[in-house]
Amino acid sequence: MSLLLNATDLELPGRISRVQFIDLHGDVLTEIPTQLYETRPALYNVSNILTPAQFFYIKVRCYLPHLDNQSINQSVYLSINESNKINST
């Protein structure tokens, strides 16, 4: 599995730093660093992912150093439902 993350609205110098697969209890199952897509500055690629066997959420971690002059990590949670549509929470 591969993920392509669109961060068009993420203001520079902010960036997506990594994705985490987490279980229903919030425990991290695996963590994978992201790579900036070479030809598109707002796209991030995560390749060769081995997904967990159980239900999981995808947590996208962003590094936002420009907010309040300090480094802040923000998170977005995604889940994949039975029809393979991604839901954002």
PDB file of N, CA and C in Angstrom:
ATOM      1  N   MET A   1       0.842  -1.170   0.000  1.00  0.00           N
ATOM      2  CA  MET A   1       0.000   0.000   0.000  1.00  0.00           C
ATOM      3  C   MET A   1       0.887   1.232   0.000  1.00  0.00           C
ATOM      4  N   SER A   2       0.422   2.276  -0.634  1.00  0.00           N
ATOM      5  CA  SER A   2       1.101   3.569  -0.636  1.00  0.00           C
ATOM      6  C   SER A   2       0.093   4.652  -0.291  1.00  0.00           C
ATOM      7  N   LEU A   3       0.578   5.722   0.305  1.00  0.00           N
ATOM      8  CA  LEU A   3      -0.256   6.884   0.599  1.00  0.00           C
ATOM      9  C   LEU A   3       0.328   8.090  -0.112  1.00  0.00           C
ATOM     10  N   LEU A   4      -0.524   8.908  -0.676  1.00  0.00           N
ATOM     11  CA  LEU A   4      -0.128  10.188  -1.235  1.00  0.00           C
ATOM     12  C   LEU A   4      -0.920  11.241  -0.475  1.00  0.00           C
ATOM     13  N   LEU A   5      -0.226  12.094   0.254  1.00  0.00           N
ATOM     14  CA  LEU A   5      -0.873  13.082   1.113  1.00  0.00           C
ATOM     15  C   LEU A   5      -0.768  14.462   0.476  1.00  0.00           C
ATOM     16  N   ASN A   6      -1.896  15.146   0.347  1.00  0.00           N
ATOM     17  CA  ASN A   6      -1.937  16.480  -0.224  1.00  0.00           C
ATOM     18  C   ASN A   6      -1.945  17.490   0.913  1.00  0.00           C
ATOM     19  N   ALA A   7      -0.936  18.339   0.949  1.00  0.00           N
ATOM     20  CA  ALA A   7      -0.814  19.351   2.001  1.00  0.00           C
ATOM     21  C   ALA A   7      -0.825  20.753   1.395  1.00  0.00           C
ATOM     22  N   THR A   8      -1.699  20.968   0.419  1.00  0.00           N
ATOM     23  CA  THR A   8      -1.765  22.249  -0.279  1.00  0.00           C
ATOM     24  C   THR A   8      -1.997  23.410   0.683  1.00  0.00           C
ATOM     25  N   ASP A   9      -2.825  23.240   1.701  1.00  0.00           N
ATOM     26  CA  ASP A   9      -3.152  24.324   2.626  1.00  0.00           C
ATOM     27  C   ASP A   9      -2.187  24.435   3.803  1.00  0.00           C
ATOM     28  N   LEU A  10      -1.167  23.612   3.849  1.00  0.00           N
ATOM     29  CA  LEU A  10      -0.186  23.669   4.925  1.00  0.00           C
ATOM     30  C   LEU A  10       0.806  24.784   4.618  1.00  0.00           C
ATOM     31  N   GLU A  11       0.843  25.786   5.489  1.00  0.00           N
ATOM     32  CA  GLU A  11       1.698  26.948   5.252  1.00  0.00           C
ATOM     33  C   GLU A  11       3.157  26.622   5.549  1.00  0.00           C
ATOM     34  N   LEU A  12       4.045  27.085   4.665  1.00  0.00           N
ATOM     35  CA  LEU A  12       5.481  26.924   4.898  1.00  0.00           C
ATOM     36  C   LEU A  12       5.892  27.772   6.085  1.00  0.00           C
ATOM     37  N   PRO A  13       6.822  27.350   6.894  1.00  0.00           N
ATOM     38  CA  PRO A  13       7.701  26.197   6.741  1.00  0.00           C
ATOM     39  C   PRO A  13       7.127  24.904   7.323  1.00  0.00           C
ATOM     40  N   GLY A  14       5.820  24.849   7.552  1.00  0.00           N
ATOM     41  CA  GLY A  14       5.206  23.623   8.055  1.00  0.00           C
ATOM     42  C   GLY A  14       5.381  22.470   7.085  1.00  0.00           C
ATOM     43  N   ARG A  15       5.377  21.271   7.629  1.00  0.00           N
ATOM     44  CA  ARG A  15       5.526  20.088   6.779  1.00  0.00           C
ATOM     45  C   ARG A  15       4.907  18.879   7.459  1.00  0.00           C
ATOM     46  N   ILE A  16       4.547  17.899   6.670  1.00  0.00           N
ATOM     47  CA  ILE A  16       4.105  16.612   7.208  1.00  0.00           C
ATOM     48  C   ILE A  16       5.360  15.826   7.532  1.00  0.00           C
ATOM     49  N   SER A  17       5.472  15.375   8.761  1.00  0.00           N
ATOM     50  CA  SER A  17       6.704  14.708   9.172  1.00  0.00           C
ATOM     51  C   SER A  17       6.606  13.188   9.132  1.00  0.00           C
ATOM     52  N   ARG A  18       5.440  12.652   9.491  1.00  0.00           N
ATOM     53  CA  ARG A  18       5.311  11.191   9.527  1.00  0.00           C
ATOM     54  C   ARG A  18       3.835  10.806   9.639  1.00  0.00           C
ATOM     55  N   VAL A  19       3.567   9.539   9.373  1.00  0.00           N
ATOM     56  CA  VAL A  19       2.243   8.979   9.603  1.00  0.00           C
ATOM     57  C   VAL A  19       2.382   7.839  10.605  1.00  0.00           C
ATOM     58  N   GLN A  20       1.347   7.672  11.375  1.00  0.00           N
ATOM     59  CA  GLN A  20       1.305   6.581  12.350  1.00  0.00           C
ATOM     60  C   GLN A  20       0.041   5.781  12.116  1.00  0.00           C
ATOM     61  N   PHE A  21       0.138   4.480  12.220  1.00  0.00           N
ATOM     62  CA  PHE A  21      -1.031   3.626  12.273  1.00  0.00           C
ATOM     63  C   PHE A  21      -1.295   3.381  13.742  1.00  0.00           C
ATOM     64  N   ILE A  22      -2.519   3.682  14.176  1.00  0.00           N
ATOM     65  CA  ILE A  22      -2.861   3.499  15.579  1.00  0.00           C
ATOM     66  C   ILE A  22      -4.103   2.621  15.675  1.00  0.00           C
ATOM     67  N   ASP A  23      -4.191   1.880  16.778  1.00  0.00           N
ATOM     68  CA  ASP A  23      -5.348   0.999  16.968  1.00  0.00           C
ATOM     69  C   ASP A  23      -6.492   1.763  17.612  1.00  0.00           C
ATOM     70  N   LEU A  24      -7.571   1.071  17.894  1.00  0.00           N
ATOM     71  CA  LEU A  24      -8.767   1.709  18.461  1.00  0.00           C
ATOM     72  C   LEU A  24      -8.545   2.284  19.848  1.00  0.00           C
ATOM     73  N   HIS A  25      -7.496   1.858  20.527  1.00  0.00           N
ATOM     74  CA  HIS A  25      -7.183   2.361  21.872  1.00  0.00           C
ATOM     75  C   HIS A  25      -6.210   3.526  21.831  1.00  0.00           C
ATOM     76  N   GLY A  26      -5.741   3.893  20.649  1.00  0.00           N
ATOM     77  CA  GLY A  26      -4.806   4.997  20.513  1.00  0.00           C
ATOM     78  C   GLY A  26      -3.348   4.590  20.598  1.00  0.00           C
ATOM     79  N   ASP A  27      -3.085   3.295  20.663  1.00  0.00           N
ATOM     80  CA  ASP A  27      -1.702   2.818  20.721  1.00  0.00           C
ATOM     81  C   ASP A  27      -1.110   2.803  19.316  1.00  0.00           C
ATOM     82  N   VAL A  28       0.150   3.255  19.202  1.00  0.00           N
ATOM     83  CA  VAL A  28       0.827   3.289  17.915  1.00  0.00           C
ATOM     84  C   VAL A  28       1.232   1.877  17.513  1.00  0.00           C
ATOM     85  N   LEU A  29       0.784   1.457  16.337  1.00  0.00           N
ATOM     86  CA  LEU A  29       1.146   0.147  15.797  1.00  0.00           C
ATOM     87  C   LEU A  29       2.433   0.230  14.992  1.00  0.00           C
ATOM     88  N   THR A  30       2.565   1.299  14.209  1.00  0.00           N
ATOM     89  CA  THR A  30       3.780   1.542  13.434  1.00  0.00           C
ATOM     90  C   THR A  30       3.856   3.020  13.085  1.00  0.00           C
ATOM     91  N   GLU A  31       5.060   3.496  12.850  1.00  0.00           N
ATOM     92  CA  GLU A  31       5.278   4.897  12.493  1.00  0.00           C
ATOM     93  C   GLU A  31       6.202   4.937  11.282  1.00  0.00           C
ATOM     94  N   ILE A  32       5.831   5.761  10.300  1.00  0.00           N
ATOM     95  CA  ILE A  32       6.564   5.800   9.043  1.00  0.00           C
ATOM     96  C   ILE A  32       6.855   7.263   8.683  1.00  0.00           C
ATOM     97  N   PRO A  33       8.114   7.599   8.386  1.00  0.00           N
ATOM     98  CA  PRO A  33       8.413   8.969   7.946  1.00  0.00           C
ATOM     99  C   PRO A  33       7.876   9.213   6.541  1.00  0.00           C
ATOM    100  N   THR A  34       7.540  10.458   6.247  1.00  0.00           N
ATOM    101  CA  THR A  34       7.049  10.819   4.921  1.00  0.00           C
ATOM    102  C   THR A  34       8.193  11.375   4.078  1.00  0.00           C
ATOM    103  N   GLN A  35       7.999  11.338   2.776  1.00  0.00           N
ATOM    104  CA  GLN A  35       8.951  11.933   1.846  1.00  0.00           C
ATOM    105  C   GLN A  35       8.210  12.929   0.980  1.00  0.00           C
ATOM    106  N   LEU A  36       8.798  14.108   0.824  1.00  0.00           N
ATOM    107  CA  LEU A  36       8.204  15.116  -0.042  1.00  0.00           C
ATOM    108  C   LEU A  36       8.244  14.616  -1.479  1.00  0.00           C
ATOM    109  N   TYR A  37       7.130  14.713  -2.168  1.00  0.00           N
ATOM    110  CA  TYR A  37       7.042  14.277  -3.560  1.00  0.00           C
ATOM    111  C   TYR A  37       7.932  15.189  -4.394  1.00  0.00           C
ATOM    112  N   GLU A  38       8.814  14.626  -5.174  1.00  0.00           N
ATOM    113  CA  GLU A  38       9.867  15.388  -5.851  1.00  0.00           C
ATOM    114  C   GLU A  38       9.354  16.458  -6.810  1.00  0.00           C
ATOM    115  N   THR A  39       8.301  16.168  -7.556  1.00  0.00           N
ATOM    116  CA  THR A  39       7.851  17.113  -8.577  1.00  0.00           C
ATOM    117  C   THR A  39       6.701  18.017  -8.132  1.00  0.00           C
ATOM    118  N   ARG A  40       6.142  17.770  -6.944  1.00  0.00           N
ATOM    119  CA  ARG A  40       5.022  18.575  -6.439  1.00  0.00           C
ATOM    120  C   ARG A  40       5.305  18.961  -4.989  1.00  0.00           C
ATOM    121  N   PRO A  41       5.555  20.231  -4.704  1.00  0.00           N
ATOM    122  CA  PRO A  41       5.968  20.626  -3.359  1.00  0.00           C
ATOM    123  C   PRO A  41       4.931  20.423  -2.256  1.00  0.00           C
ATOM    124  N   ALA A  42       3.661  20.267  -2.570  1.00  0.00           N
ATOM    125  CA  ALA A  42       2.639  20.100  -1.534  1.00  0.00           C
ATOM    126  C   ALA A  42       2.239  18.646  -1.324  1.00  0.00           C
ATOM    127  N   LEU A  43       2.861  17.721  -2.030  1.00  0.00           N
ATOM    128  CA  LEU A  43       2.497  16.309  -1.925  1.00  0.00           C
ATOM    129  C   LEU A  43       3.582  15.527  -1.179  1.00  0.00           C
ATOM    130  N   TYR A  44       3.113  14.622  -0.335  1.00  0.00           N
ATOM    131  CA  TYR A  44       4.012  13.760   0.429  1.00  0.00           C
ATOM    132  C   TYR A  44       3.686  12.314   0.105  1.00  0.00           C
ATOM    133  N   ASN A  45       4.713  11.496   0.015  1.00  0.00           N
ATOM    134  CA  ASN A  45       4.556  10.102  -0.357  1.00  0.00           C
ATOM    135  C   ASN A  45       5.010   9.200   0.784  1.00  0.00           C
ATOM    136  N   VAL A  46       4.243   8.156   1.014  1.00  0.00           N
ATOM    137  CA  VAL A  46       4.629   7.097   1.950  1.00  0.00           C
ATOM    138  C   VAL A  46       4.440   5.797   1.178  1.00  0.00           C
ATOM    139  N   SER A  47       5.521   5.089   0.902  1.00  0.00           N
ATOM    140  CA  SER A  47       5.472   3.903   0.047  1.00  0.00           C
ATOM    141  C   SER A  47       5.777   2.632   0.806  1.00  0.00           C
ATOM    142  N   ASN A  48       5.416   1.527   0.174  1.00  0.00           N
ATOM    143  CA  ASN A  48       5.736   0.183   0.685  1.00  0.00           C
ATOM    144  C   ASN A  48       5.260  -0.023   2.116  1.00  0.00           C
ATOM    145  N   ILE A  49       4.018   0.292   2.357  1.00  0.00           N
ATOM    146  CA  ILE A  49       3.437   0.184   3.701  1.00  0.00           C
ATOM    147  C   ILE A  49       2.839  -1.207   3.894  1.00  0.00           C
ATOM    148  N   LEU A  50       3.167  -1.814   4.998  1.00  0.00           N
ATOM    149  CA  LEU A  50       2.500  -3.049   5.407  1.00  0.00           C
ATOM    150  C   LEU A  50       1.443  -2.656   6.422  1.00  0.00           C
ATOM    151  N   THR A  51       0.180  -2.794   6.047  1.00  0.00           N
ATOM    152  CA  THR A  51      -0.901  -2.369   6.923  1.00  0.00           C
ATOM    153  C   THR A  51      -1.166  -3.419   8.001  1.00  0.00           C
ATOM    154  N   PRO A  52      -1.595  -2.966   9.170  1.00  0.00           N
ATOM    155  CA  PRO A  52      -1.949  -3.906  10.237  1.00  0.00           C
ATOM    156  C   PRO A  52      -3.146  -4.769   9.831  1.00  0.00           C
ATOM    157  N   ALA A  53      -3.240  -5.943  10.425  1.00  0.00           N
ATOM    158  CA  ALA A  53      -4.344  -6.862  10.125  1.00  0.00           C
ATOM    159  C   ALA A  53      -5.663  -6.375  10.721  1.00  0.00           C
ATOM    160  N   GLN A  54      -5.623  -5.688  11.854  1.00  0.00           N
ATOM    161  CA  GLN A  54      -6.832  -5.215  12.515  1.00  0.00           C
ATOM    162  C   GLN A  54      -7.209  -3.823  12.022  1.00  0.00           C
ATOM    163  N   PHE A  55      -8.402  -3.352  12.438  1.00  0.00           N
ATOM    164  CA  PHE A  55      -8.855  -1.997  12.118  1.00  0.00           C
ATOM    165  C   PHE A  55      -7.851  -1.008  12.680  1.00  0.00           C
ATOM    166  N   PHE A  56      -7.577   0.055  11.926  1.00  0.00           N
ATOM    167  CA  PHE A  56      -6.616   1.050  12.389  1.00  0.00           C
ATOM    168  C   PHE A  56      -7.002   2.426  11.875  1.00  0.00           C
ATOM    169  N   TYR A  57      -6.477   3.439  12.542  1.00  0.00           N
ATOM    170  CA  TYR A  57      -6.563   4.815  12.087  1.00  0.00           C
ATOM    171  C   TYR A  57      -5.204   5.208  11.546  1.00  0.00           C
ATOM    172  N   ILE A  58      -5.204   6.172  10.636  1.00  0.00           N
ATOM    173  CA  ILE A  58      -3.955   6.746  10.159  1.00  0.00           C
ATOM    174  C   ILE A  58      -3.846   8.136  10.773  1.00  0.00           C
ATOM    175  N   LYS A  59      -2.796   8.353  11.515  1.00  0.00           N
ATOM    176  CA  LYS A  59      -2.552   9.636  12.166  1.00  0.00           C
ATOM    177  C   LYS A  59      -1.447  10.352  11.390  1.00  0.00           C
ATOM    178  N   VAL A  60      -1.750  11.532  10.869  1.00  0.00           N
ATOM    179  CA  VAL A  60      -0.787  12.315  10.108  1.00  0.00           C
ATOM    180  C   VAL A  60      -0.204  13.373  11.032  1.00  0.00           C
ATOM    181  N   ARG A  61       1.109  13.343  11.194  1.00  0.00           N
ATOM    182  CA  ARG A  61       1.784  14.290  12.085  1.00  0.00           C
ATOM    183  C   ARG A  61       2.405  15.410  11.260  1.00  0.00           C
ATOM    184  N   CYS A  62       2.119  16.636  11.662  1.00  0.00           N
ATOM    185  CA  CYS A  62       2.636  17.810  10.959  1.00  0.00           C
ATOM    186  C   CYS A  62       3.532  18.614  11.889  1.00  0.00           C
ATOM    187  N   TYR A  63       4.605  19.135  11.353  1.00  0.00           N
ATOM    188  CA  TYR A  63       5.520  20.001  12.087  1.00  0.00           C
ATOM    189  C   TYR A  63       5.213  21.428  11.661  1.00  0.00           C
ATOM    190  N   LEU A  64       4.803  22.280  12.623  1.00  0.00           N
ATOM    191  CA  LEU A  64       4.379  23.647  12.327  1.00  0.00           C
ATOM    192  C   LEU A  64       5.173  24.641  13.175  1.00  0.00           C
ATOM    193  N   PRO A  65       6.410  24.951  12.800  1.00  0.00           N
ATOM    194  CA  PRO A  65       7.249  25.820  13.626  1.00  0.00           C
ATOM    195  C   PRO A  65       6.830  27.282  13.605  1.00  0.00           C
ATOM    196  N   HIS A  66       6.011  27.711  12.671  1.00  0.00           N
ATOM    197  CA  HIS A  66       5.657  29.120  12.531  1.00  0.00           C
ATOM    198  C   HIS A  66       4.498  29.566  13.429  1.00  0.00           C
ATOM    199  N   LEU A  67       3.885  28.665  14.164  1.00  0.00           N
ATOM    200  CA  LEU A  67       2.787  29.053  15.052  1.00  0.00           C
ATOM    201  C   LEU A  67       3.324  29.444  16.411  1.00  0.00           C
ATOM    202  N   ASP A  68       3.071  30.676  16.829  1.00  0.00           N
ATOM    203  CA  ASP A  68       3.462  31.173  18.142  1.00  0.00           C
ATOM    204  C   ASP A  68       4.952  31.022  18.419  1.00  0.00           C
ATOM    205  N   ASN A  69       5.761  31.097  17.375  1.00  0.00           N
ATOM    206  CA  ASN A  69       7.220  31.008  17.518  1.00  0.00           C
ATOM    207  C   ASN A  69       7.686  29.774  18.265  1.00  0.00           C
ATOM    208  N   GLN A  70       6.977  28.705  18.135  1.00  0.00           N
ATOM    209  CA  GLN A  70       7.393  27.451  18.758  1.00  0.00           C
ATOM    210  C   GLN A  70       7.002  26.283  17.868  1.00  0.00           C
ATOM    211  N   SER A  71       7.635  25.172  18.074  1.00  0.00           N
ATOM    212  CA  SER A  71       7.327  23.988  17.289  1.00  0.00           C
ATOM    213  C   SER A  71       6.097  23.304  17.865  1.00  0.00           C
ATOM    214  N   ILE A  72       5.123  23.057  17.026  1.00  0.00           N
ATOM    215  CA  ILE A  72       3.878  22.429  17.446  1.00  0.00           C
ATOM    216  C   ILE A  72       3.603  21.253  16.523  1.00  0.00           C
ATOM    217  N   ASN A  73       3.249  20.132  17.096  1.00  0.00           N
ATOM    218  CA  ASN A  73       2.845  18.990  16.297  1.00  0.00           C
ATOM    219  C   ASN A  73       1.333  18.916  16.287  1.00  0.00           C
ATOM    220  N   GLN A  74       0.745  18.925  15.109  1.00  0.00           N
ATOM    221  CA  GLN A  74      -0.692  18.772  14.942  1.00  0.00           C
ATOM    222  C   GLN A  74      -0.953  17.389  14.360  1.00  0.00           C
ATOM    223  N   SER A  75      -2.110  16.876  14.628  1.00  0.00           N
ATOM    224  CA  SER A  75      -2.446  15.545  14.137  1.00  0.00           C
ATOM    225  C   SER A  75      -3.788  15.562  13.422  1.00  0.00           C
ATOM    226  N   VAL A  76      -3.891  14.743  12.401  1.00  0.00           N
ATOM    227  CA  VAL A  76      -5.138  14.503  11.692  1.00  0.00           C
ATOM    228  C   VAL A  76      -5.349  13.001  11.708  1.00  0.00           C
ATOM    229  N   TYR A  77      -6.566  12.571  12.027  1.00  0.00           N
ATOM    230  CA  TYR A  77      -6.863  11.147  12.069  1.00  0.00           C
ATOM    231  C   TYR A  77      -7.693  10.762  10.861  1.00  0.00           C
ATOM    232  N   LEU A  78      -7.304   9.680  10.215  1.00  0.00           N
ATOM    233  CA  LEU A  78      -8.025   9.156   9.065  1.00  0.00           C
ATOM    234  C   LEU A  78      -8.390   7.717   9.344  1.00  0.00           C
ATOM    235  N   SER A  79      -9.505   7.297   8.838  1.00  0.00           N
ATOM    236  CA  SER A  79      -9.855   5.884   8.928  1.00  0.00           C
ATOM    237  C   SER A  79     -10.366   5.441   7.566  1.00  0.00           C
ATOM    238  N   ILE A  80     -10.229   4.174   7.296  1.00  0.00           N
ATOM    239  CA  ILE A  80     -10.709   3.627   6.026  1.00  0.00           C
ATOM    240  C   ILE A  80     -11.898   2.733   6.330  1.00  0.00           C
ATOM    241  N   ASN A  81     -13.046   3.061   5.748  1.00  0.00           N
ATOM    242  CA  ASN A  81     -14.244   2.278   6.037  1.00  0.00           C
ATOM    243  C   ASN A  81     -14.360   1.089   5.081  1.00  0.00           C
ATOM    244  N   GLU A  82     -15.441   0.337   5.198  1.00  0.00           N
ATOM    245  CA  GLU A  82     -15.602  -0.897   4.416  1.00  0.00           C
ATOM    246  C   GLU A  82     -15.611  -0.656   2.921  1.00  0.00           C
ATOM    247  N   SER A  83     -16.047   0.498   2.479  1.00  0.00           N
ATOM    248  CA  SER A  83     -16.083   0.772   1.035  1.00  0.00           C
ATOM    249  C   SER A  83     -14.793   1.449   0.576  1.00  0.00           C
ATOM    250  N   ASN A  84     -13.744   1.391   1.398  1.00  0.00           N
ATOM    251  CA  ASN A  84     -12.424   1.936   1.084  1.00  0.00           C
ATOM    252  C   ASN A  84     -12.425   3.446   0.873  1.00  0.00           C
ATOM    253  N   LYS A  85     -13.378   4.140   1.474  1.00  0.00           N
ATOM    254  CA  LYS A  85     -13.372   5.593   1.445  1.00  0.00           C
ATOM    255  C   LYS A  85     -12.690   6.097   2.703  1.00  0.00           C
ATOM    256  N   ILE A  86     -11.882   7.133   2.547  1.00  0.00           N
ATOM    257  CA  ILE A  86     -11.144   7.674   3.694  1.00  0.00           C
ATOM    258  C   ILE A  86     -11.994   8.728   4.369  1.00  0.00           C
ATOM    259  N   ASN A  87     -12.093   8.623   5.700  1.00  0.00           N
ATOM    260  CA  ASN A  87     -12.822   9.579   6.519  1.00  0.00           C
ATOM    261  C   ASN A  87     -11.816  10.365   7.356  1.00  0.00           C
ATOM    262  N   SER A  88     -12.018  11.661   7.491  1.00  0.00           N
ATOM    263  CA  SER A  88     -11.139  12.511   8.291  1.00  0.00           C
ATOM    264  C   SER A  88     -11.870  12.916   9.566  1.00  0.00           C
ATOM    265  N   THR A  89     -11.142  12.853  10.701  1.00  0.00           N
ATOM    266  CA  THR A  89     -11.709  13.305  11.971  1.00  0.00           C
ATOM    267  C   THR A  89     -10.739  14.220  12.665  1.00  0.00           C
TER     268      THR A  89
END
